[in-house]
Amino acid sequence: MKDDNERVEALNAIFDDDPAKKAREKEIEKLEKKREKQLAKLKKKGIDPEQKKEETETIPSEQAETEEKNEAASDVVNEAGETVTNYFADSDASSNTHVLEEEEQPGKKKKKDKKKKKKDKKKKKQEKEEINIVKDLISLALYILAIVAVCWLILTYVGQRTEVSGDSMNDTLHNGDSLWIDKLSYHFKDPERFDIVVFPYEEEDDTYYIKRIIGLPGETVYIDEDGVIYINDEPLEEDYGKEVIEENHRGLAAEPVTLGDDEYFVMGDNRNNSRDSRLSDVGNIHKNKFVGKAVFRFTGGFGFLNKEEQ
């Protein structure tokens, strides 16, 4: 026990001699002296240190309360500011929405106008196409009309195709032969002897005869008992008729037949089997009755009719 006390005392001695401890003690002494001086000053000024201490302790409390109030007020202000900010933000958003809507409306109008223009353009294009179709149809109709007109002019004034019906022109032409009739030549020159001509038969509608010219205007035609043809008392030199004319086929030419102006005497090459100027129902043919003359054969010997055939 004694040893333990000695040890404690030894340790305390060691700690009492510790320089750090001594320094701390000196610092505490200084602080105590400084405090005592401050208390003395307060007493000289008539201030109770204990009351000052309470005030000192109260002030932080009041300051804390004030700070809390300020913080609450600040929070209220902040909340109000946020509310105002949000209000103005909403107002700005609403305003921006209206502005956007106003901005979008011209855009929509522009889009609508563009669509309308596109539609109008398409409509105009369609109308133009329809007009072009009508123009094309009119052009086609005019073209066809022009062709028809040209064909009509050709068939009326230039020429036409015809077909032989009957045997009155044997052996030059035969039944069924297809011929081209020149209608234009007789508008510029008079018919010539031995031309093969086409003319209408007056006794029947839509009936045409094809014969050969034997006598010309102003001439006198006569056929004697031997079947010889005379022109102005001169025998006609020709060999188109392959057989001698029989006496009972002399017809009107058994007596001299004098032709008037623009009158022509016509006969078929098949002399004994032809209705021609020898018969009263045919008689002499006036120039203006000629449709034209045969110049080309398509069938029965393709080619132009030569002078011997004409």
C-alpha atoms as a PDB file:
ATOM      1  CA  MET A   1       0.000   0.000   0.000  1.00  0.00           C
ATOM      2  CA  LYS A   2       2.841   2.258   0.901  1.00  0.00           C
ATOM      3  CA  ASP A   3       4.518   1.455  -2.332  1.00  0.00           C
ATOM      4  CA  ASP A   4       1.424   2.408  -4.285  1.00  0.00           C
ATOM      5  CA  ASN A   5       1.196   5.793  -2.581  1.00  0.00           C
ATOM      6  CA  GLU A   6       4.823   6.410  -3.339  1.00  0.00           C
ATOM      7  CA  ARG A   7       4.212   5.576  -6.961  1.00  0.00           C
ATOM      8  CA  VAL A   8       1.244   7.995  -7.148  1.00  0.00           C
ATOM      9  CA  GLU A   9       3.268  10.756  -5.590  1.00  0.00           C
ATOM     10  CA  ALA A  10       6.063  10.057  -7.993  1.00  0.00           C
ATOM     11  CA  LEU A  11       3.707  10.265 -10.939  1.00  0.00           C
ATOM     12  CA  ASN A  12       2.133  13.497  -9.663  1.00  0.00           C
ATOM     13  CA  ALA A  13       5.601  14.938  -9.312  1.00  0.00           C
ATOM     14  CA  ILE A  14       6.321  14.006 -12.840  1.00  0.00           C
ATOM     15  CA  PHE A  15       3.070  15.638 -14.088  1.00  0.00           C
ATOM     16  CA  ASP A  16       3.680  18.732 -11.917  1.00  0.00           C
ATOM     17  CA  ASP A  17       7.001  19.195 -13.594  1.00  0.00           C
ATOM     18  CA  ASP A  18       5.346  18.875 -17.116  1.00  0.00           C
ATOM     19  CA  PRO A  19       6.103  22.089 -19.110  1.00  0.00           C
ATOM     20  CA  ALA A  20       2.871  21.863 -21.128  1.00  0.00           C
ATOM     21  CA  LYS A  21       0.816  21.748 -17.986  1.00  0.00           C
ATOM     22  CA  LYS A  22       2.542  24.781 -16.622  1.00  0.00           C
ATOM     23  CA  ALA A  23       1.939  26.669 -19.863  1.00  0.00           C
ATOM     24  CA  ARG A  24      -1.762  25.860 -19.758  1.00  0.00           C
ATOM     25  CA  GLU A  25      -2.006  27.019 -16.181  1.00  0.00           C
ATOM     26  CA  LYS A  26      -0.343  30.340 -17.064  1.00  0.00           C
ATOM     27  CA  GLU A  27      -2.782  30.822 -19.993  1.00  0.00           C
ATOM     28  CA  ILE A  28      -5.729  30.157 -17.702  1.00  0.00           C
ATOM     29  CA  GLU A  29      -4.390  32.650 -15.193  1.00  0.00           C
ATOM     30  CA  LYS A  30      -4.088  35.284 -17.909  1.00  0.00           C
ATOM     31  CA  LEU A  31      -7.674  34.671 -19.059  1.00  0.00           C
ATOM     32  CA  GLU A  32      -8.922  34.903 -15.464  1.00  0.00           C
ATOM     33  CA  LYS A  33      -7.108  38.186 -14.918  1.00  0.00           C
ATOM     34  CA  LYS A  34      -8.500  39.541 -18.225  1.00  0.00           C
ATOM     35  CA  ARG A  35     -12.012  38.549 -17.185  1.00  0.00           C
ATOM     36  CA  GLU A  36     -11.624  40.193 -13.800  1.00  0.00           C
ATOM     37  CA  LYS A  37     -10.468  43.411 -15.480  1.00  0.00           C
ATOM     38  CA  GLN A  38     -13.513  43.363 -17.816  1.00  0.00           C
ATOM     39  CA  LEU A  39     -15.832  42.808 -14.824  1.00  0.00           C
ATOM     40  CA  ALA A  40     -14.197  45.673 -13.000  1.00  0.00           C
ATOM     41  CA  LYS A  41     -14.736  47.971 -15.975  1.00  0.00           C
ATOM     42  CA  LEU A  42     -18.399  46.987 -16.140  1.00  0.00           C
ATOM     43  CA  LYS A  43     -18.873  47.714 -12.452  1.00  0.00           C
ATOM     44  CA  LYS A  44     -17.282  51.153 -12.908  1.00  0.00           C
ATOM     45  CA  LYS A  45     -19.799  51.877 -15.608  1.00  0.00           C
ATOM     46  CA  GLY A  46     -22.599  50.764 -13.326  1.00  0.00           C
ATOM     47  CA  ILE A  47     -23.418  47.630 -15.229  1.00  0.00           C
ATOM     48  CA  ASP A  48     -24.312  44.483 -13.408  1.00  0.00           C
ATOM     49  CA  PRO A  49     -22.268  41.644 -14.880  1.00  0.00           C
ATOM     50  CA  GLU A  50     -24.967  39.100 -14.127  1.00  0.00           C
ATOM     51  CA  GLN A  51     -27.645  41.232 -15.930  1.00  0.00           C
ATOM     52  CA  LYS A  52     -25.250  41.759 -18.844  1.00  0.00           C
ATOM     53  CA  LYS A  53     -24.760  38.048 -18.933  1.00  0.00           C
ATOM     54  CA  GLU A  54     -28.541  37.521 -19.159  1.00  0.00           C
ATOM     55  CA  GLU A  55     -28.802  40.187 -21.868  1.00  0.00           C
ATOM     56  CA  THR A  56     -25.914  38.590 -23.634  1.00  0.00           C
ATOM     57  CA  GLU A  57     -27.661  35.269 -23.442  1.00  0.00           C
ATOM     58  CA  THR A  58     -31.019  36.873 -24.473  1.00  0.00           C
ATOM     59  CA  ILE A  59     -29.674  38.750 -27.481  1.00  0.00           C
ATOM     60  CA  PRO A  60     -28.671  35.653 -29.336  1.00  0.00           C
ATOM     61  CA  SER A  61     -32.093  34.262 -28.608  1.00  0.00           C
ATOM     62  CA  GLU A  62     -33.806  37.396 -29.908  1.00  0.00           C
ATOM     63  CA  GLN A  63     -31.467  37.496 -32.844  1.00  0.00           C
ATOM     64  CA  ALA A  64     -32.276  33.876 -33.524  1.00  0.00           C
ATOM     65  CA  GLU A  65     -35.993  34.674 -33.310  1.00  0.00           C
ATOM     66  CA  THR A  66     -35.525  37.699 -35.558  1.00  0.00           C
ATOM     67  CA  GLU A  67     -33.507  35.615 -37.957  1.00  0.00           C
ATOM     68  CA  GLU A  68     -36.252  32.993 -37.926  1.00  0.00           C
ATOM     69  CA  LYS A  69     -38.826  35.737 -38.613  1.00  0.00           C
ATOM     70  CA  ASN A  70     -36.628  37.142 -41.316  1.00  0.00           C
ATOM     71  CA  GLU A  71     -36.181  33.693 -42.762  1.00  0.00           C
ATOM     72  CA  ALA A  72     -39.970  33.139 -42.655  1.00  0.00           C
ATOM     73  CA  ALA A  73     -40.538  36.543 -44.237  1.00  0.00           C
ATOM     74  CA  SER A  74     -37.871  35.724 -46.770  1.00  0.00           C
ATOM     75  CA  ASP A  75     -39.602  32.435 -47.457  1.00  0.00           C
ATOM     76  CA  VAL A  76     -42.929  34.248 -47.863  1.00  0.00           C
ATOM     77  CA  VAL A  77     -41.288  36.810 -50.130  1.00  0.00           C
ATOM     78  CA  ASN A  78     -39.614  34.051 -52.068  1.00  0.00           C
ATOM     79  CA  GLU A  79     -42.877  32.184 -52.341  1.00  0.00           C
ATOM     80  CA  ALA A  80     -44.617  35.389 -53.427  1.00  0.00           C
ATOM     81  CA  GLY A  81     -41.797  36.057 -55.846  1.00  0.00           C
ATOM     82  CA  GLU A  82     -42.097  32.554 -57.170  1.00  0.00           C
ATOM     83  CA  THR A  83     -45.868  33.038 -57.455  1.00  0.00           C
ATOM     84  CA  VAL A  84     -45.402  36.347 -59.254  1.00  0.00           C
ATOM     85  CA  THR A  85     -42.662  34.812 -61.346  1.00  0.00           C
ATOM     86  CA  ASN A  86     -44.874  31.855 -62.141  1.00  0.00           C
ATOM     87  CA  TYR A  87     -47.750  34.227 -62.933  1.00  0.00           C
ATOM     88  CA  PHE A  88     -45.645  36.259 -65.279  1.00  0.00           C
ATOM     89  CA  ALA A  89     -44.134  33.092 -66.661  1.00  0.00           C
ATOM     90  CA  ASP A  90     -47.628  31.760 -67.268  1.00  0.00           C
ATOM     91  CA  SER A  91     -48.624  35.105 -68.729  1.00  0.00           C
ATOM     92  CA  ASP A  92     -45.562  35.056 -70.959  1.00  0.00           C
ATOM     93  CA  ALA A  93     -46.299  31.466 -71.904  1.00  0.00           C
ATOM     94  CA  SER A  94     -49.907  32.397 -72.677  1.00  0.00           C
ATOM     95  CA  SER A  95     -48.719  35.426 -74.591  1.00  0.00           C
ATOM     96  CA  ASN A  96     -46.181  33.308 -76.415  1.00  0.00           C
ATOM     97  CA  THR A  97     -48.914  30.781 -77.156  1.00  0.00           C
ATOM     98  CA  HIS A  98     -51.079  33.535 -78.615  1.00  0.00           C
ATOM     99  CA  VAL A  99     -48.117  34.843 -80.532  1.00  0.00           C
ATOM    100  CA  LEU A 100     -47.350  31.355 -81.757  1.00  0.00           C
ATOM    101  CA  GLU A 101     -50.970  30.861 -82.649  1.00  0.00           C
ATOM    102  CA  GLU A 102     -50.925  34.195 -84.451  1.00  0.00           C
ATOM    103  CA  GLU A 103     -47.681  33.179 -86.097  1.00  0.00           C
ATOM    104  CA  GLU A 104     -49.060  29.762 -86.927  1.00  0.00           C
ATOM    105  CA  GLN A 105     -52.237  31.208 -88.419  1.00  0.00           C
ATOM    106  CA  PRO A 106     -50.357  32.998 -91.249  1.00  0.00           C
ATOM    107  CA  GLY A 107     -48.414  29.774 -91.764  1.00  0.00           C
ATOM    108  CA  LYS A 108     -51.641  27.805 -92.001  1.00  0.00           C
ATOM    109  CA  LYS A 109     -53.072  30.458 -94.306  1.00  0.00           C
ATOM    110  CA  LYS A 110     -49.955  30.336 -96.427  1.00  0.00           C
ATOM    111  CA  LYS A 111     -50.151  26.545 -96.541  1.00  0.00           C
ATOM    112  CA  LYS A 112     -53.836  26.779 -97.413  1.00  0.00           C
ATOM    113  CA  ASP A 113     -53.091  29.360-100.129  1.00  0.00           C
ATOM    114  CA  LYS A 114     -50.319  27.133-101.453  1.00  0.00           C
ATOM    115  CA  LYS A 115     -52.671  24.153-101.502  1.00  0.00           C
ATOM    116  CA  LYS A 116     -55.312  26.259-103.246  1.00  0.00           C
ATOM    117  CA  LYS A 117     -52.783  27.477-105.802  1.00  0.00           C
ATOM    118  CA  LYS A 118     -51.663  23.897-106.379  1.00  0.00           C
ATOM    119  CA  LYS A 119     -55.287  22.849-106.799  1.00  0.00           C
ATOM    120  CA  ASP A 120     -55.957  25.770-109.160  1.00  0.00           C
ATOM    121  CA  LYS A 121     -52.799  24.923-111.098  1.00  0.00           C
ATOM    122  CA  LYS A 122     -53.887  21.295-111.360  1.00  0.00           C
ATOM    123  CA  LYS A 123     -57.361  22.421-112.457  1.00  0.00           C
ATOM    124  CA  LYS A 124     -55.878  24.772-115.061  1.00  0.00           C
ATOM    125  CA  LYS A 125     -53.588  21.985-116.263  1.00  0.00           C
ATOM    126  CA  GLN A 126     -56.574  19.643-116.537  1.00  0.00           C
ATOM    127  CA  GLU A 127     -58.558  22.316-118.381  1.00  0.00           C
ATOM    128  CA  LYS A 128     -55.572  22.891-120.660  1.00  0.00           C
ATOM    129  CA  GLU A 129     -55.336  19.160-121.338  1.00  0.00           C
ATOM    130  CA  GLU A 130     -59.057  19.061-122.081  1.00  0.00           C
ATOM    131  CA  ILE A 131     -58.645  22.047-124.404  1.00  0.00           C
ATOM    132  CA  ASN A 132     -55.703  20.303-126.079  1.00  0.00           C
ATOM    133  CA  ILE A 133     -57.806  17.164-126.493  1.00  0.00           C
ATOM    134  CA  VAL A 134     -60.594  19.242-128.037  1.00  0.00           C
ATOM    135  CA  LYS A 135     -58.033  20.947-130.281  1.00  0.00           C
ATOM    136  CA  ASP A 136     -56.609  17.572-131.269  1.00  0.00           C
ATOM    137  CA  LEU A 137     -60.100  16.274-132.019  1.00  0.00           C
ATOM    138  CA  ILE A 138     -60.865  19.398-134.043  1.00  0.00           C
ATOM    139  CA  SER A 139     -57.546  19.054-135.865  1.00  0.00           C
ATOM    140  CA  LEU A 140     -58.275  15.391-136.534  1.00  0.00           C
ATOM    141  CA  ALA A 141     -61.782  16.237-137.731  1.00  0.00           C
ATOM    142  CA  LEU A 142     -60.398  18.978-139.992  1.00  0.00           C
ATOM    143  CA  TYR A 143     -57.742  16.576-141.263  1.00  0.00           C
ATOM    144  CA  ILE A 144     -60.360  13.927-142.035  1.00  0.00           C
ATOM    145  CA  LEU A 145     -62.565  16.598-143.581  1.00  0.00           C
ATOM    146  CA  ALA A 146     -59.644  17.771-145.696  1.00  0.00           C
ATOM    147  CA  ILE A 147     -58.986  14.202-146.842  1.00  0.00           C
ATOM    148  CA  VAL A 148     -62.665  13.725-147.636  1.00  0.00           C
ATOM    149  CA  ALA A 149     -62.678  17.053-149.471  1.00  0.00           C
ATOM    150  CA  VAL A 150     -59.581  16.098-151.447  1.00  0.00           C
ATOM    151  CA  CYS A 151     -61.071  12.702-152.259  1.00  0.00           C
ATOM    152  CA  TRP A 152     -64.310  14.369-153.277  1.00  0.00           C
ATOM    153  CA  LEU A 153     -62.433  16.814-155.488  1.00  0.00           C
ATOM    154  CA  ILE A 154     -60.443  13.961-157.006  1.00  0.00           C
ATOM    155  CA  LEU A 155     -63.506  11.828-157.584  1.00  0.00           C
ATOM    156  CA  THR A 156     -65.524  14.772-158.871  1.00  0.00           C
ATOM    157  CA  TYR A 157     -62.993  16.630-160.998  1.00  0.00           C
ATOM    158  CA  VAL A 158     -59.880  14.476-161.338  1.00  0.00           C
ATOM    159  CA  GLY A 159     -60.847  10.852-161.649  1.00  0.00           C
ATOM    160  CA  GLN A 160     -62.500   7.802-160.173  1.00  0.00           C
ATOM    161  CA  ARG A 161     -62.389   4.049-160.307  1.00  0.00           C
ATOM    162  CA  THR A 162     -65.119   2.192-162.141  1.00  0.00           C
ATOM    163  CA  GLU A 163     -65.929  -1.354-163.180  1.00  0.00           C
ATOM    164  CA  VAL A 164     -67.039  -2.634-166.561  1.00  0.00           C
ATOM    165  CA  SER A 165     -70.420  -4.365-166.571  1.00  0.00           C
ATOM    166  CA  GLY A 166     -71.445  -6.250-169.724  1.00  0.00           C
ATOM    167  CA  ASP A 167     -69.818  -7.333-172.982  1.00  0.00           C
ATOM    168  CA  SER A 168     -70.444  -4.319-175.238  1.00  0.00           C
ATOM    169  CA  MET A 169     -66.707  -3.445-175.325  1.00  0.00           C
ATOM    170  CA  ASN A 170     -65.380  -6.927-176.114  1.00  0.00           C
ATOM    171  CA  ASP A 171     -62.631  -7.645-177.084  1.00  0.00           C
ATOM    172  CA  THR A 172     -60.996  -4.465-175.735  1.00  0.00           C
ATOM    173  CA  LEU A 173     -62.601  -4.502-172.305  1.00  0.00           C
ATOM    174  CA  HIS A 174     -64.310  -7.341-170.522  1.00  0.00           C
ATOM    175  CA  ASN A 175     -66.988  -7.721-167.925  1.00  0.00           C
ATOM    176  CA  GLY A 176     -65.525  -7.062-164.465  1.00  0.00           C
ATOM    177  CA  ASP A 177     -62.499  -5.069-165.610  1.00  0.00           C
ATOM    178  CA  SER A 178     -61.577  -2.290-163.144  1.00  0.00           C
ATOM    179  CA  LEU A 179     -60.667   1.041-164.742  1.00  0.00           C
ATOM    180  CA  TRP A 180     -59.485   4.503-163.746  1.00  0.00           C
ATOM    181  CA  ILE A 181     -61.475   7.285-165.364  1.00  0.00           C
ATOM    182  CA  ASP A 182     -59.752  10.601-166.085  1.00  0.00           C
ATOM    183  CA  LYS A 183     -62.256  13.389-165.389  1.00  0.00           C
ATOM    184  CA  LEU A 184     -59.872  16.300-165.686  1.00  0.00           C
ATOM    185  CA  SER A 185     -58.672  16.184-169.287  1.00  0.00           C
ATOM    186  CA  TYR A 186     -61.962  17.196-170.935  1.00  0.00           C
ATOM    187  CA  HIS A 187     -61.998  20.439-168.930  1.00  0.00           C
ATOM    188  CA  PHE A 188     -58.939  21.554-170.895  1.00  0.00           C
ATOM    189  CA  LYS A 189     -59.303  19.852-174.269  1.00  0.00           C
ATOM    190  CA  ASP A 190     -61.967  18.315-176.466  1.00  0.00           C
ATOM    191  CA  PRO A 191     -62.548  14.570-176.663  1.00  0.00           C
ATOM    192  CA  GLU A 192     -60.764  12.827-179.513  1.00  0.00           C
ATOM    193  CA  ARG A 193     -61.817  10.077-181.887  1.00  0.00           C
ATOM    194  CA  PHE A 194     -61.438   6.564-180.484  1.00  0.00           C
ATOM    195  CA  ASP A 195     -61.362   7.755-176.852  1.00  0.00           C
ATOM    196  CA  ILE A 196     -63.125   5.307-174.528  1.00  0.00           C
ATOM    197  CA  VAL A 197     -65.632   7.436-172.637  1.00  0.00           C
ATOM    198  CA  VAL A 198     -68.077   7.012-169.765  1.00  0.00           C
ATOM    199  CA  PHE A 199     -71.453   8.787-169.738  1.00  0.00           C
ATOM    200  CA  PRO A 200     -74.803   8.338-167.952  1.00  0.00           C
ATOM    201  CA  TYR A 201     -77.651   6.417-169.539  1.00  0.00           C
ATOM    202  CA  GLU A 202     -80.562   8.848-169.417  1.00  0.00           C
ATOM    203  CA  GLU A 203     -83.256   6.205-169.311  1.00  0.00           C
ATOM    204  CA  GLU A 204     -82.064   4.635-166.044  1.00  0.00           C
ATOM    205  CA  ASP A 205     -80.825   6.242-162.849  1.00  0.00           C
ATOM    206  CA  ASP A 206     -77.296   5.475-161.674  1.00  0.00           C
ATOM    207  CA  THR A 207     -76.535   3.665-164.912  1.00  0.00           C
ATOM    208  CA  TYR A 208     -73.464   4.521-166.946  1.00  0.00           C
ATOM    209  CA  TYR A 209     -72.330   3.354-170.341  1.00  0.00           C
ATOM    210  CA  ILE A 210     -68.757   2.959-171.554  1.00  0.00           C
ATOM    211  CA  LYS A 211     -68.254   3.319-175.326  1.00  0.00           C
ATOM    212  CA  ARG A 212     -65.777   4.479-177.952  1.00  0.00           C
ATOM    213  CA  ILE A 213     -66.034   7.811-179.810  1.00  0.00           C
ATOM    214  CA  ILE A 214     -66.564   7.283-183.559  1.00  0.00           C
ATOM    215  CA  GLY A 215     -67.937  10.618-184.853  1.00  0.00           C
ATOM    216  CA  LEU A 216     -66.927  14.164-183.845  1.00  0.00           C
ATOM    217  CA  PRO A 217     -68.980  17.374-183.764  1.00  0.00           C
ATOM    218  CA  GLY A 218     -70.040  18.591-187.256  1.00  0.00           C
ATOM    219  CA  GLU A 219     -69.346  15.230-188.889  1.00  0.00           C
ATOM    220  CA  THR A 220     -71.829  12.965-190.679  1.00  0.00           C
ATOM    221  CA  VAL A 221     -71.884   9.307-189.755  1.00  0.00           C
ATOM    222  CA  TYR A 222     -73.306   6.604-192.010  1.00  0.00           C
ATOM    223  CA  ILE A 223     -73.221   2.773-192.024  1.00  0.00           C
ATOM    224  CA  ASP A 224     -73.859   1.068-195.368  1.00  0.00           C
ATOM    225  CA  GLU A 225     -75.441  -2.338-196.074  1.00  0.00           C
ATOM    226  CA  ASP A 226     -72.025  -4.027-195.806  1.00  0.00           C
ATOM    227  CA  GLY A 227     -71.494  -2.715-192.317  1.00  0.00           C
ATOM    228  CA  VAL A 228     -68.820  -0.200-193.312  1.00  0.00           C
ATOM    229  CA  ILE A 229     -68.736   3.001-191.290  1.00  0.00           C
ATOM    230  CA  TYR A 230     -68.414   6.281-193.201  1.00  0.00           C
ATOM    231  CA  ILE A 231     -67.388   9.631-191.804  1.00  0.00           C
ATOM    232  CA  ASN A 232     -68.249  12.491-194.171  1.00  0.00           C
ATOM    233  CA  ASP A 233     -68.587   9.943-196.992  1.00  0.00           C
ATOM    234  CA  GLU A 234     -65.148   8.509-196.219  1.00  0.00           C
ATOM    235  CA  PRO A 235     -64.737   4.946-194.873  1.00  0.00           C
ATOM    236  CA  LEU A 236     -63.481   4.948-191.293  1.00  0.00           C
ATOM    237  CA  GLU A 237     -60.153   3.208-190.933  1.00  0.00           C
ATOM    238  CA  GLU A 238     -60.239   1.302-187.678  1.00  0.00           C
ATOM    239  CA  ASP A 239     -60.029  -2.252-186.454  1.00  0.00           C
ATOM    240  CA  TYR A 240     -61.635  -2.033-183.013  1.00  0.00           C
ATOM    241  CA  GLY A 241     -64.724  -3.807-184.227  1.00  0.00           C
ATOM    242  CA  LYS A 242     -63.710  -7.419-184.737  1.00  0.00           C
ATOM    243  CA  GLU A 243     -66.824  -8.358-186.685  1.00  0.00           C
ATOM    244  CA  VAL A 244     -68.849  -6.878-189.524  1.00  0.00           C
ATOM    245  CA  ILE A 245     -71.901  -4.882-188.477  1.00  0.00           C
ATOM    246  CA  GLU A 246     -75.036  -6.775-189.358  1.00  0.00           C
ATOM    247  CA  GLU A 247     -77.651  -4.925-191.381  1.00  0.00           C
ATOM    248  CA  ASN A 248     -80.265  -5.067-188.612  1.00  0.00           C
ATOM    249  CA  HIS A 249     -77.739  -3.430-186.245  1.00  0.00           C
ATOM    250  CA  ARG A 250     -77.141  -0.351-188.401  1.00  0.00           C
ATOM    251  CA  GLY A 251     -79.822   1.487-186.360  1.00  0.00           C
ATOM    252  CA  LEU A 252     -80.106   5.259-186.831  1.00  0.00           C
ATOM    253  CA  ALA A 253     -76.851   5.245-188.813  1.00  0.00           C
ATOM    254  CA  ALA A 254     -78.590   3.383-191.671  1.00  0.00           C
ATOM    255  CA  GLU A 255     -79.294   6.944-192.686  1.00  0.00           C
ATOM    256  CA  PRO A 256     -76.655   9.693-192.515  1.00  0.00           C
ATOM    257  CA  VAL A 257     -76.499  11.240-189.028  1.00  0.00           C
ATOM    258  CA  THR A 258     -75.074  14.762-188.849  1.00  0.00           C
ATOM    259  CA  LEU A 259     -73.682  15.761-185.440  1.00  0.00           C
ATOM    260  CA  GLY A 260     -74.280  19.163-183.929  1.00  0.00           C
ATOM    261  CA  ASP A 261     -71.887  21.315-181.915  1.00  0.00           C
ATOM    262  CA  ASP A 262     -70.311  19.388-179.039  1.00  0.00           C
ATOM    263  CA  GLU A 263     -72.136  16.212-180.106  1.00  0.00           C
ATOM    264  CA  TYR A 264     -70.393  12.862-180.437  1.00  0.00           C
ATOM    265  CA  PHE A 265     -71.370   9.541-182.035  1.00  0.00           C
ATOM    266  CA  VAL A 266     -70.320   6.561-179.865  1.00  0.00           C
ATOM    267  CA  MET A 267     -70.300   2.793-180.428  1.00  0.00           C
ATOM    268  CA  GLY A 268     -69.266  -0.344-178.543  1.00  0.00           C
ATOM    269  CA  ASP A 269     -66.402  -2.466-179.890  1.00  0.00           C
ATOM    270  CA  ASN A 270     -68.750  -5.470-179.829  1.00  0.00           C
ATOM    271  CA  ARG A 271     -70.693  -3.897-182.708  1.00  0.00           C
ATOM    272  CA  ASN A 272     -73.520  -6.409-182.911  1.00  0.00           C
ATOM    273  CA  ASN A 273     -74.099  -6.503-179.147  1.00  0.00           C
ATOM    274  CA  SER A 274     -74.035  -2.901-177.963  1.00  0.00           C
ATOM    275  CA  ARG A 275     -76.559  -0.211-177.069  1.00  0.00           C
ATOM    276  CA  ASP A 276     -75.018   3.032-178.353  1.00  0.00           C
ATOM    277  CA  SER A 277     -75.659   6.075-180.563  1.00  0.00           C
ATOM    278  CA  ARG A 278     -77.288   3.838-183.183  1.00  0.00           C
ATOM    279  CA  LEU A 279     -80.315   3.560-180.864  1.00  0.00           C
ATOM    280  CA  SER A 280     -82.679   6.436-180.203  1.00  0.00           C
ATOM    281  CA  ASP A 281     -82.716   5.936-176.402  1.00  0.00           C
ATOM    282  CA  VAL A 282     -78.981   6.680-176.428  1.00  0.00           C
ATOM    283  CA  GLY A 283     -78.481   8.899-179.489  1.00  0.00           C
ATOM    284  CA  ASN A 284     -75.742  11.456-179.872  1.00  0.00           C
ATOM    285  CA  ILE A 285     -73.868  12.351-176.678  1.00  0.00           C
ATOM    286  CA  HIS A 286     -73.199  15.944-175.750  1.00  0.00           C
ATOM    287  CA  LYS A 287     -69.724  16.804-174.491  1.00  0.00           C
ATOM    288  CA  ASN A 288     -70.991  17.934-171.096  1.00  0.00           C
ATOM    289  CA  LYS A 289     -72.453  14.447-170.523  1.00  0.00           C
ATOM    290  CA  PHE A 290     -69.064  12.776-170.533  1.00  0.00           C
ATOM    291  CA  VAL A 291     -67.886  11.776-167.075  1.00  0.00           C
ATOM    292  CA  GLY A 292     -64.386  11.212-168.396  1.00  0.00           C
ATOM    293  CA  LYS A 293     -62.242   8.841-170.378  1.00  0.00           C
ATOM    294  CA  ALA A 294     -60.771   5.470-169.410  1.00  0.00           C
ATOM    295  CA  VAL A 295     -56.978   5.680-169.168  1.00  0.00           C
ATOM    296  CA  PHE A 296     -55.851   2.892-166.838  1.00  0.00           C
ATOM    297  CA  ARG A 297     -56.837  -0.709-166.222  1.00  0.00           C
ATOM    298  CA  PHE A 298     -56.293  -2.352-162.831  1.00  0.00           C
ATOM    299  CA  THR A 299     -57.560  -5.836-163.709  1.00  0.00           C
ATOM    300  CA  GLY A 300     -57.820  -7.762-166.969  1.00  0.00           C
ATOM    301  CA  GLY A 301     -54.416  -6.455-168.091  1.00  0.00           C
ATOM    302  CA  PHE A 302     -52.811  -4.056-165.612  1.00  0.00           C
ATOM    303  CA  GLY A 303     -51.529  -0.811-167.128  1.00  0.00           C
ATOM    304  CA  PHE A 304     -52.412   2.194-169.280  1.00  0.00           C
ATOM    305  CA  LEU A 305     -54.794   1.685-172.167  1.00  0.00           C
ATOM    306  CA  ASN A 306     -52.699   2.134-175.318  1.00  0.00           C
ATOM    307  CA  LYS A 307     -53.838   4.039-178.367  1.00  0.00           C
ATOM    308  CA  GLU A 308     -54.950   0.856-180.095  1.00  0.00           C
ATOM    309  CA  GLU A 309     -57.118  -0.030-177.123  1.00  0.00           C
ATOM    310  CA  GLN A 310     -58.346   3.506-176.717  1.00  0.00           C
END
